[in-house]
Amino acid sequence: MAEEQNGCKPSDCAGCAHADSCGSKPQSLLKPANPHSHVNKVIAVVSGKGGVGKSMVTASLARIMREQGFNVGIMDADITGPSIPKMYGIHKQAMGTEEGIIPEEAKDGTKIMSVNLLLPNESDPVIWRGPVIANVVTQFWTDVMWGELDYLFVDMPPGTGDVPLTVFQSLPVDGIVIVTSPQDLVQMIVKKAYNMACQMDIPVLGIVENYSYLVCPDCGKKISVFGESHVDETAKELDIPVIGKMPIDAGLAEAVEEERFYEISNDYLTDAVNKL
């Protein structure tokens, strides 16, 4: 006798109008993009914990792609801690039409959508529960008119909670980039992000280590401020490549503070884009 699925025998499904949506066939949770969006690739940038420079890596990857002539967008999915608009000097509210929401455009042509562009005051806190936040992220896909994009980078919140789950299930994510730093604790957190991606059947494109070292301005020696890196060992264990190591760079930090990231060329991640 054939094995039962969800309490039903295969013979019970004959002629059933819902036969294609039950049993052993998984039901897709992907949401349709806005009709005015044509996105070729969706790349999510994730981290197991906060404070590792995930937004910096997201913006850097987007900048490199813009410099290479690609049409690029950034979805700021870190709803409670959005930083992408300020990095690019964008403070206007996004406008909407009956057809959808129009993303703001940075001076380098990067299209950006963030909750900060929808709030009356960008400094207002977002005090929402998880399901509400996850729904907003979904709307950034279904309601925003992204236009023609070669790459849409999704700046994810840290951790493995509601928003990462929503993004992985609702958006056609082509791959993720994991951002980490040299501390041993963070290496453990990398495995959590990696394991979540594997369970959601999302390809892991590689790891970027931020704060890898500091170059002494006097002698040029590389100083391991946060201790010796273990990212290569972790990457080998997980069988994924290290696609970039970023030092502590005052120039990048100044560009963020001065809201002119649209001028930056982050050479530390030039090789990383070849994996995207």
C-alpha atoms as a PDB file:
ATOM      1  CA  MET A   1       0.000   0.000   0.000  1.00  0.00           C
ATOM      2  CA  ALA A   2       1.312   3.442  -0.888  1.00  0.00           C
ATOM      3  CA  GLU A   3       2.491   5.584   2.017  1.00  0.00           C
ATOM      4  CA  GLU A   4      -0.032   8.102   3.319  1.00  0.00           C
ATOM      5  CA  GLN A   5       0.806  11.827   3.040  1.00  0.00           C
ATOM      6  CA  ASN A   6      -0.690  14.282   5.565  1.00  0.00           C
ATOM      7  CA  GLY A   7      -3.294  11.692   6.530  1.00  0.00           C
ATOM      8  CA  CYS A   8      -4.384  11.060   2.921  1.00  0.00           C
ATOM      9  CA  LYS A   9      -3.786   8.060   0.707  1.00  0.00           C
ATOM     10  CA  PRO A  10      -2.665   8.906  -2.863  1.00  0.00           C
ATOM     11  CA  SER A  11      -5.933   7.419  -4.147  1.00  0.00           C
ATOM     12  CA  ASP A  12      -7.868   9.964  -2.078  1.00  0.00           C
ATOM     13  CA  CYS A  13      -6.351  12.805  -4.109  1.00  0.00           C
ATOM     14  CA  ALA A  14      -7.654  11.622  -7.457  1.00  0.00           C
ATOM     15  CA  GLY A  15      -9.834  14.344  -8.912  1.00  0.00           C
ATOM     16  CA  CYS A  16      -9.225  16.701  -5.967  1.00  0.00           C
ATOM     17  CA  ALA A  17      -8.938  20.373  -6.942  1.00  0.00           C
ATOM     18  CA  HIS A  18      -6.223  20.856  -4.304  1.00  0.00           C
ATOM     19  CA  ALA A  19      -4.132  17.840  -5.231  1.00  0.00           C
ATOM     20  CA  ASP A  20      -1.230  19.989  -6.395  1.00  0.00           C
ATOM     21  CA  SER A  21      -1.004  21.943  -3.137  1.00  0.00           C
ATOM     22  CA  CYS A  22      -0.911  19.152  -0.573  1.00  0.00           C
ATOM     23  CA  GLY A  23       0.775  15.822   0.022  1.00  0.00           C
ATOM     24  CA  SER A  24       4.503  15.619  -0.568  1.00  0.00           C
ATOM     25  CA  LYS A  25       4.654  18.603  -2.932  1.00  0.00           C
ATOM     26  CA  PRO A  26       5.847  21.691  -1.006  1.00  0.00           C
ATOM     27  CA  GLN A  27       3.769  24.801  -1.461  1.00  0.00           C
ATOM     28  CA  SER A  28       5.732  27.830  -2.631  1.00  0.00           C
ATOM     29  CA  LEU A  29       5.538  30.897  -0.398  1.00  0.00           C
ATOM     30  CA  LEU A  30       7.195  33.200  -2.941  1.00  0.00           C
ATOM     31  CA  LYS A  31       5.439  36.537  -3.374  1.00  0.00           C
ATOM     32  CA  PRO A  32       5.036  38.144  -6.802  1.00  0.00           C
ATOM     33  CA  ALA A  33       7.182  41.175  -7.485  1.00  0.00           C
ATOM     34  CA  ASN A  34       5.559  44.475  -8.334  1.00  0.00           C
ATOM     35  CA  PRO A  35       4.543  44.481 -12.025  1.00  0.00           C
ATOM     36  CA  HIS A  36       6.946  47.378 -12.553  1.00  0.00           C
ATOM     37  CA  SER A  37       9.897  45.417 -11.160  1.00  0.00           C
ATOM     38  CA  HIS A  38      12.207  43.264 -13.256  1.00  0.00           C
ATOM     39  CA  VAL A  39      15.002  42.022 -10.992  1.00  0.00           C
ATOM     40  CA  ASN A  40      17.579  39.630 -12.387  1.00  0.00           C
ATOM     41  CA  LYS A  41      19.312  38.569  -9.152  1.00  0.00           C
ATOM     42  CA  VAL A  42      18.484  38.956  -5.450  1.00  0.00           C
ATOM     43  CA  ILE A  43      21.455  38.759  -3.085  1.00  0.00           C
ATOM     44  CA  ALA A  44      20.879  38.821   0.692  1.00  0.00           C
ATOM     45  CA  VAL A  45      23.645  40.005   3.027  1.00  0.00           C
ATOM     46  CA  VAL A  46      23.297  38.393   6.445  1.00  0.00           C
ATOM     47  CA  SER A  47      25.032  38.147   9.793  1.00  0.00           C
ATOM     48  CA  GLY A  48      24.431  36.015  12.850  1.00  0.00           C
ATOM     49  CA  LYS A  49      24.777  39.017  15.145  1.00  0.00           C
ATOM     50  CA  GLY A  50      24.843  42.787  14.981  1.00  0.00           C
ATOM     51  CA  GLY A  51      27.817  45.094  14.872  1.00  0.00           C
ATOM     52  CA  VAL A  52      29.871  43.294  12.224  1.00  0.00           C
ATOM     53  CA  GLY A  53      29.440  45.867   9.440  1.00  0.00           C
ATOM     54  CA  LYS A  54      26.770  44.132   7.401  1.00  0.00           C
ATOM     55  CA  SER A  55      25.355  47.368   5.985  1.00  0.00           C
ATOM     56  CA  MET A  56      28.866  48.482   5.042  1.00  0.00           C
ATOM     57  CA  VAL A  57      29.384  45.260   3.086  1.00  0.00           C
ATOM     58  CA  THR A  58      25.952  45.548   1.435  1.00  0.00           C
ATOM     59  CA  ALA A  59      26.610  49.094   0.278  1.00  0.00           C
ATOM     60  CA  SER A  60      30.149  48.204  -0.826  1.00  0.00           C
ATOM     61  CA  LEU A  61      28.959  45.338  -3.026  1.00  0.00           C
ATOM     62  CA  ALA A  62      26.298  47.590  -4.523  1.00  0.00           C
ATOM     63  CA  ARG A  63      28.877  50.312  -5.226  1.00  0.00           C
ATOM     64  CA  ILE A  64      31.215  47.924  -7.021  1.00  0.00           C
ATOM     65  CA  MET A  65      28.379  46.700  -9.204  1.00  0.00           C
ATOM     66  CA  ARG A  66      27.370  50.289 -10.014  1.00  0.00           C
ATOM     67  CA  GLU A  67      30.963  51.090 -10.968  1.00  0.00           C
ATOM     68  CA  GLN A  68      30.859  48.132 -13.346  1.00  0.00           C
ATOM     69  CA  GLY A  69      27.775  49.554 -15.038  1.00  0.00           C
ATOM     70  CA  PHE A  70      25.059  47.357 -13.536  1.00  0.00           C
ATOM     71  CA  ASN A  71      21.647  48.613 -12.466  1.00  0.00           C
ATOM     72  CA  VAL A  72      21.520  48.126  -8.711  1.00  0.00           C
ATOM     73  CA  GLY A  73      19.038  48.458  -5.863  1.00  0.00           C
ATOM     74  CA  ILE A  74      19.306  48.070  -2.091  1.00  0.00           C
ATOM     75  CA  MET A  75      16.392  46.875   0.019  1.00  0.00           C
ATOM     76  CA  ASP A  76      17.044  47.914   3.623  1.00  0.00           C
ATOM     77  CA  ALA A  77      15.337  45.041   5.436  1.00  0.00           C
ATOM     78  CA  ASP A  78      16.834  45.978   8.794  1.00  0.00           C
ATOM     79  CA  ILE A  79      13.575  47.654   9.792  1.00  0.00           C
ATOM     80  CA  THR A  80      14.424  48.526  13.396  1.00  0.00           C
ATOM     81  CA  GLY A  81      17.982  49.644  12.623  1.00  0.00           C
ATOM     82  CA  PRO A  82      17.989  51.117   9.095  1.00  0.00           C
ATOM     83  CA  SER A  83      21.215  52.787   8.022  1.00  0.00           C
ATOM     84  CA  ILE A  84      21.439  52.559   4.224  1.00  0.00           C
ATOM     85  CA  PRO A  85      19.636  55.857   3.357  1.00  0.00           C
ATOM     86  CA  LYS A  86      21.865  57.929   5.649  1.00  0.00           C
ATOM     87  CA  MET A  87      25.004  56.341   4.204  1.00  0.00           C
ATOM     88  CA  TYR A  88      23.910  57.643   0.797  1.00  0.00           C
ATOM     89  CA  GLY A  89      22.691  61.027   2.068  1.00  0.00           C
ATOM     90  CA  ILE A  90      19.016  60.307   1.367  1.00  0.00           C
ATOM     91  CA  HIS A  91      16.538  61.942   3.743  1.00  0.00           C
ATOM     92  CA  LYS A  92      13.464  62.486   1.560  1.00  0.00           C
ATOM     93  CA  GLN A  93      10.288  60.488   1.975  1.00  0.00           C
ATOM     94  CA  ALA A  94       9.527  57.968  -0.742  1.00  0.00           C
ATOM     95  CA  MET A  95       6.536  58.790  -2.920  1.00  0.00           C
ATOM     96  CA  GLY A  96       3.768  56.415  -3.916  1.00  0.00           C
ATOM     97  CA  THR A  97       1.299  56.081  -6.756  1.00  0.00           C
ATOM     98  CA  GLU A  98      -1.639  53.790  -7.388  1.00  0.00           C
ATOM     99  CA  GLU A  99       0.818  51.407  -9.031  1.00  0.00           C
ATOM    100  CA  GLY A 100       3.282  51.203  -6.157  1.00  0.00           C
ATOM    101  CA  ILE A 101       6.024  52.905  -4.150  1.00  0.00           C
ATOM    102  CA  ILE A 102       8.836  54.706  -5.967  1.00  0.00           C
ATOM    103  CA  PRO A 103      12.267  53.982  -4.434  1.00  0.00           C
ATOM    104  CA  GLU A 104      14.625  56.874  -3.839  1.00  0.00           C
ATOM    105  CA  GLU A 105      17.700  57.112  -6.048  1.00  0.00           C
ATOM    106  CA  ALA A 106      21.179  57.908  -4.755  1.00  0.00           C
ATOM    107  CA  LYS A 107      23.596  60.163  -6.612  1.00  0.00           C
ATOM    108  CA  ASP A 108      25.294  57.140  -8.185  1.00  0.00           C
ATOM    109  CA  GLY A 109      21.970  55.808  -9.478  1.00  0.00           C
ATOM    110  CA  THR A 110      21.468  53.128  -6.822  1.00  0.00           C
ATOM    111  CA  LYS A 111      17.781  52.653  -6.012  1.00  0.00           C
ATOM    112  CA  ILE A 112      17.050  52.445  -2.290  1.00  0.00           C
ATOM    113  CA  MET A 113      14.029  51.532  -0.194  1.00  0.00           C
ATOM    114  CA  SER A 114      14.013  51.675   3.587  1.00  0.00           C
ATOM    115  CA  VAL A 115      11.486  52.192   6.353  1.00  0.00           C
ATOM    116  CA  ASN A 116      13.278  55.485   7.074  1.00  0.00           C
ATOM    117  CA  LEU A 117      11.914  56.753   3.754  1.00  0.00           C
ATOM    118  CA  LEU A 118       8.354  56.082   4.906  1.00  0.00           C
ATOM    119  CA  LEU A 119       8.418  57.518   8.432  1.00  0.00           C
ATOM    120  CA  PRO A 120       7.307  61.119   9.131  1.00  0.00           C
ATOM    121  CA  ASN A 121      10.563  61.600  11.033  1.00  0.00           C
ATOM    122  CA  GLU A 122      13.551  59.390  10.230  1.00  0.00           C
ATOM    123  CA  SER A 123      14.614  59.396  13.892  1.00  0.00           C
ATOM    124  CA  ASP A 124      11.290  57.904  15.044  1.00  0.00           C
ATOM    125  CA  PRO A 125      11.744  54.447  16.566  1.00  0.00           C
ATOM    126  CA  VAL A 126      10.080  51.490  14.897  1.00  0.00           C
ATOM    127  CA  ILE A 127       8.268  49.790  17.783  1.00  0.00           C
ATOM    128  CA  TRP A 128       6.545  46.993  15.909  1.00  0.00           C
ATOM    129  CA  ARG A 129       6.126  43.314  16.567  1.00  0.00           C
ATOM    130  CA  GLY A 130       7.802  40.712  14.393  1.00  0.00           C
ATOM    131  CA  PRO A 131       4.876  39.866  12.085  1.00  0.00           C
ATOM    132  CA  VAL A 132       4.324  43.546  11.263  1.00  0.00           C
ATOM    133  CA  ILE A 133       8.008  44.040  10.478  1.00  0.00           C
ATOM    134  CA  ALA A 134       8.054  40.922   8.304  1.00  0.00           C
ATOM    135  CA  ASN A 135       5.004  42.177   6.406  1.00  0.00           C
ATOM    136  CA  VAL A 136       6.719  45.507   5.671  1.00  0.00           C
ATOM    137  CA  VAL A 137       9.715  43.668   4.211  1.00  0.00           C
ATOM    138  CA  THR A 138       7.384  41.648   1.989  1.00  0.00           C
ATOM    139  CA  GLN A 139       5.795  44.893   0.786  1.00  0.00           C
ATOM    140  CA  PHE A 140       9.241  46.195  -0.151  1.00  0.00           C
ATOM    141  CA  TRP A 141       9.154  43.408  -2.756  1.00  0.00           C
ATOM    142  CA  THR A 142       5.500  43.389  -3.803  1.00  0.00           C
ATOM    143  CA  ASP A 143       4.721  47.124  -3.666  1.00  0.00           C
ATOM    144  CA  VAL A 144       7.986  48.872  -4.600  1.00  0.00           C
ATOM    145  CA  MET A 145       8.513  49.642  -8.287  1.00  0.00           C
ATOM    146  CA  TRP A 146      12.174  48.694  -8.626  1.00  0.00           C
ATOM    147  CA  GLY A 147      12.221  48.922 -12.425  1.00  0.00           C
ATOM    148  CA  GLU A 148      14.971  47.152 -14.346  1.00  0.00           C
ATOM    149  CA  LEU A 149      17.634  45.866 -11.936  1.00  0.00           C
ATOM    150  CA  ASP A 150      20.560  43.564 -12.539  1.00  0.00           C
ATOM    151  CA  TYR A 151      21.083  43.132  -8.788  1.00  0.00           C
ATOM    152  CA  LEU A 152      18.933  43.787  -5.737  1.00  0.00           C
ATOM    153  CA  PHE A 153      20.937  43.595  -2.512  1.00  0.00           C
ATOM    154  CA  VAL A 154      18.949  42.943   0.654  1.00  0.00           C
ATOM    155  CA  ASP A 155      20.521  44.337   3.838  1.00  0.00           C
ATOM    156  CA  MET A 156      19.163  41.896   6.403  1.00  0.00           C
ATOM    157  CA  PRO A 157      18.752  42.386  10.155  1.00  0.00           C
ATOM    158  CA  PRO A 158      21.087  40.300  12.326  1.00  0.00           C
ATOM    159  CA  GLY A 159      20.052  36.879  13.530  1.00  0.00           C
ATOM    160  CA  THR A 160      17.757  34.151  12.247  1.00  0.00           C
ATOM    161  CA  GLY A 161      14.338  35.522  13.215  1.00  0.00           C
ATOM    162  CA  ASP A 162      11.148  36.607  11.468  1.00  0.00           C
ATOM    163  CA  VAL A 163      12.639  38.891   8.820  1.00  0.00           C
ATOM    164  CA  PRO A 164      15.337  36.528   7.479  1.00  0.00           C
ATOM    165  CA  LEU A 165      12.749  33.760   7.394  1.00  0.00           C
ATOM    166  CA  THR A 166      10.305  36.001   5.520  1.00  0.00           C
ATOM    167  CA  VAL A 167      12.930  37.094   2.999  1.00  0.00           C
ATOM    168  CA  PHE A 168      14.084  33.535   2.338  1.00  0.00           C
ATOM    169  CA  GLN A 169      10.508  32.313   1.864  1.00  0.00           C
ATOM    170  CA  SER A 170       8.949  35.302   0.068  1.00  0.00           C
ATOM    171  CA  LEU A 171      11.717  36.590  -2.220  1.00  0.00           C
ATOM    172  CA  PRO A 172      13.489  34.620  -4.974  1.00  0.00           C
ATOM    173  CA  VAL A 173      16.875  34.863  -3.241  1.00  0.00           C
ATOM    174  CA  ASP A 174      19.684  33.658  -5.510  1.00  0.00           C
ATOM    175  CA  GLY A 175      22.274  33.484  -2.748  1.00  0.00           C
ATOM    176  CA  ILE A 176      23.521  34.971   0.505  1.00  0.00           C
ATOM    177  CA  VAL A 177      26.743  36.564   1.657  1.00  0.00           C
ATOM    178  CA  ILE A 178      27.594  36.035   5.328  1.00  0.00           C
ATOM    179  CA  VAL A 179      29.402  38.874   7.120  1.00  0.00           C
ATOM    180  CA  THR A 180      31.514  38.163  10.167  1.00  0.00           C
ATOM    181  CA  SER A 181      34.402  39.526  12.234  1.00  0.00           C
ATOM    182  CA  PRO A 182      37.454  37.793  13.734  1.00  0.00           C
ATOM    183  CA  GLN A 183      36.137  36.995  17.240  1.00  0.00           C
ATOM    184  CA  ASP A 184      35.651  33.322  18.119  1.00  0.00           C
ATOM    185  CA  LEU A 185      32.052  33.937  19.216  1.00  0.00           C
ATOM    186  CA  VAL A 186      31.152  35.376  15.836  1.00  0.00           C
ATOM    187  CA  GLN A 187      32.563  32.328  14.066  1.00  0.00           C
ATOM    188  CA  MET A 188      30.075  30.218  16.004  1.00  0.00           C
ATOM    189  CA  ILE A 189      27.276  32.565  14.921  1.00  0.00           C
ATOM    190  CA  VAL A 190      28.371  32.176  11.267  1.00  0.00           C
ATOM    191  CA  LYS A 191      27.441  28.521  11.478  1.00  0.00           C
ATOM    192  CA  LYS A 192      23.928  29.459  12.621  1.00  0.00           C
ATOM    193  CA  ALA A 193      23.441  31.696   9.574  1.00  0.00           C
ATOM    194  CA  TYR A 194      24.919  29.034   7.317  1.00  0.00           C
ATOM    195  CA  ASN A 195      22.706  26.292   8.739  1.00  0.00           C
ATOM    196  CA  MET A 196      19.585  28.439   8.355  1.00  0.00           C
ATOM    197  CA  ALA A 197      20.417  29.094   4.713  1.00  0.00           C
ATOM    198  CA  CYS A 198      20.945  25.385   4.116  1.00  0.00           C
ATOM    199  CA  GLN A 199      17.628  24.497   5.742  1.00  0.00           C
ATOM    200  CA  MET A 200      15.901  27.090   3.534  1.00  0.00           C
ATOM    201  CA  ASP A 201      17.754  25.747   0.458  1.00  0.00           C
ATOM    202  CA  ILE A 202      19.463  29.102  -0.218  1.00  0.00           C
ATOM    203  CA  PRO A 203      22.999  28.965  -1.709  1.00  0.00           C
ATOM    204  CA  VAL A 204      25.757  30.485   0.436  1.00  0.00           C
ATOM    205  CA  LEU A 205      28.023  32.431  -1.923  1.00  0.00           C
ATOM    206  CA  GLY A 206      30.751  33.082   0.605  1.00  0.00           C
ATOM    207  CA  ILE A 207      31.941  34.825   3.754  1.00  0.00           C
ATOM    208  CA  VAL A 208      33.207  38.387   4.103  1.00  0.00           C
ATOM    209  CA  GLU A 209      35.269  39.124   7.201  1.00  0.00           C
ATOM    210  CA  ASN A 210      35.080  42.724   8.387  1.00  0.00           C
ATOM    211  CA  TYR A 211      37.475  44.388  10.861  1.00  0.00           C
ATOM    212  CA  SER A 212      40.104  41.822   9.850  1.00  0.00           C
ATOM    213  CA  TYR A 213      43.041  44.052  10.688  1.00  0.00           C
ATOM    214  CA  LEU A 214      44.301  47.601  11.007  1.00  0.00           C
ATOM    215  CA  VAL A 215      47.188  48.858   8.901  1.00  0.00           C
ATOM    216  CA  CYS A 216      49.636  50.892  10.982  1.00  0.00           C
ATOM    217  CA  PRO A 217      49.929  54.344   9.352  1.00  0.00           C
ATOM    218  CA  ASP A 218      53.608  54.541  10.277  1.00  0.00           C
ATOM    219  CA  CYS A 219      55.124  51.151   9.461  1.00  0.00           C
ATOM    220  CA  GLY A 220      52.394  49.519   7.377  1.00  0.00           C
ATOM    221  CA  LYS A 221      52.216  46.452   9.629  1.00  0.00           C
ATOM    222  CA  LYS A 222      48.858  44.667   9.834  1.00  0.00           C
ATOM    223  CA  ILE A 223      47.579  44.658  13.416  1.00  0.00           C
ATOM    224  CA  SER A 224      44.907  42.130  14.457  1.00  0.00           C
ATOM    225  CA  VAL A 225      42.879  44.434  16.687  1.00  0.00           C
ATOM    226  CA  PHE A 226      40.196  41.840  17.447  1.00  0.00           C
ATOM    227  CA  GLY A 227      42.539  38.879  17.668  1.00  0.00           C
ATOM    228  CA  GLU A 228      43.718  36.379  15.121  1.00  0.00           C
ATOM    229  CA  SER A 229      41.203  35.456  12.463  1.00  0.00           C
ATOM    230  CA  HIS A 230      39.674  31.980  12.265  1.00  0.00           C
ATOM    231  CA  VAL A 231      37.500  32.662   9.243  1.00  0.00           C
ATOM    232  CA  ASP A 232      39.563  30.483   6.906  1.00  0.00           C
ATOM    233  CA  GLU A 233      39.178  27.476   9.198  1.00  0.00           C
ATOM    234  CA  THR A 234      35.441  28.074   9.529  1.00  0.00           C
ATOM    235  CA  ALA A 235      35.041  28.466   5.774  1.00  0.00           C
ATOM    236  CA  LYS A 236      36.960  25.251   5.152  1.00  0.00           C
ATOM    237  CA  GLU A 237      34.817  23.392   7.661  1.00  0.00           C
ATOM    238  CA  LEU A 238      31.631  24.625   5.968  1.00  0.00           C
ATOM    239  CA  ASP A 239      33.080  24.219   2.460  1.00  0.00           C
ATOM    240  CA  ILE A 240      32.345  27.804   1.411  1.00  0.00           C
ATOM    241  CA  PRO A 241      34.826  30.424   0.140  1.00  0.00           C
ATOM    242  CA  VAL A 242      36.112  33.504   1.908  1.00  0.00           C
ATOM    243  CA  ILE A 243      35.339  36.183  -0.676  1.00  0.00           C
ATOM    244  CA  GLY A 244      36.755  39.199   1.106  1.00  0.00           C
ATOM    245  CA  LYS A 245      38.624  40.503   4.144  1.00  0.00           C
ATOM    246  CA  MET A 246      38.058  44.145   5.016  1.00  0.00           C
ATOM    247  CA  PRO A 247      40.361  46.038   7.383  1.00  0.00           C
ATOM    248  CA  ILE A 248      39.370  48.872   9.686  1.00  0.00           C
ATOM    249  CA  ASP A 249      39.499  51.724   7.181  1.00  0.00           C
ATOM    250  CA  ALA A 250      39.050  55.312   8.320  1.00  0.00           C
ATOM    251  CA  GLY A 251      38.221  56.373   4.760  1.00  0.00           C
ATOM    252  CA  LEU A 252      35.178  54.108   4.616  1.00  0.00           C
ATOM    253  CA  ALA A 253      34.043  55.239   8.057  1.00  0.00           C
ATOM    254  CA  GLU A 254      34.365  58.896   7.064  1.00  0.00           C
ATOM    255  CA  ALA A 255      32.303  58.318   3.924  1.00  0.00           C
ATOM    256  CA  VAL A 256      29.531  56.820   6.061  1.00  0.00           C
ATOM    257  CA  GLU A 257      29.592  59.691   8.549  1.00  0.00           C
ATOM    258  CA  GLU A 258      29.662  62.292   5.780  1.00  0.00           C
ATOM    259  CA  GLU A 259      26.788  60.518   3.946  1.00  0.00           C
ATOM    260  CA  ARG A 260      28.682  60.181   0.669  1.00  0.00           C
ATOM    261  CA  PHE A 261      29.034  56.446   0.250  1.00  0.00           C
ATOM    262  CA  TYR A 262      28.036  56.909  -3.384  1.00  0.00           C
ATOM    263  CA  GLU A 263      31.627  58.089  -3.998  1.00  0.00           C
ATOM    264  CA  ILE A 264      33.348  55.063  -2.468  1.00  0.00           C
ATOM    265  CA  SER A 265      35.384  52.420  -4.274  1.00  0.00           C
ATOM    266  CA  ASN A 266      35.871  49.503  -1.890  1.00  0.00           C
ATOM    267  CA  ASP A 267      38.728  47.582  -3.457  1.00  0.00           C
ATOM    268  CA  TYR A 268      38.726  45.049  -0.618  1.00  0.00           C
ATOM    269  CA  LEU A 269      35.642  43.381  -2.078  1.00  0.00           C
ATOM    270  CA  THR A 270      36.480  43.551  -5.784  1.00  0.00           C
ATOM    271  CA  ASP A 271      36.983  39.779  -5.966  1.00  0.00           C
ATOM    272  CA  ALA A 272      33.771  39.141  -4.027  1.00  0.00           C
ATOM    273  CA  VAL A 273      31.507  40.357  -6.820  1.00  0.00           C
ATOM    274  CA  ASN A 274      32.828  37.610  -9.089  1.00  0.00           C
ATOM    275  CA  LYS A 275      30.924  35.148  -6.888  1.00  0.00           C
ATOM    276  CA  LEU A 276      27.600  36.961  -7.196  1.00  0.00           C
END
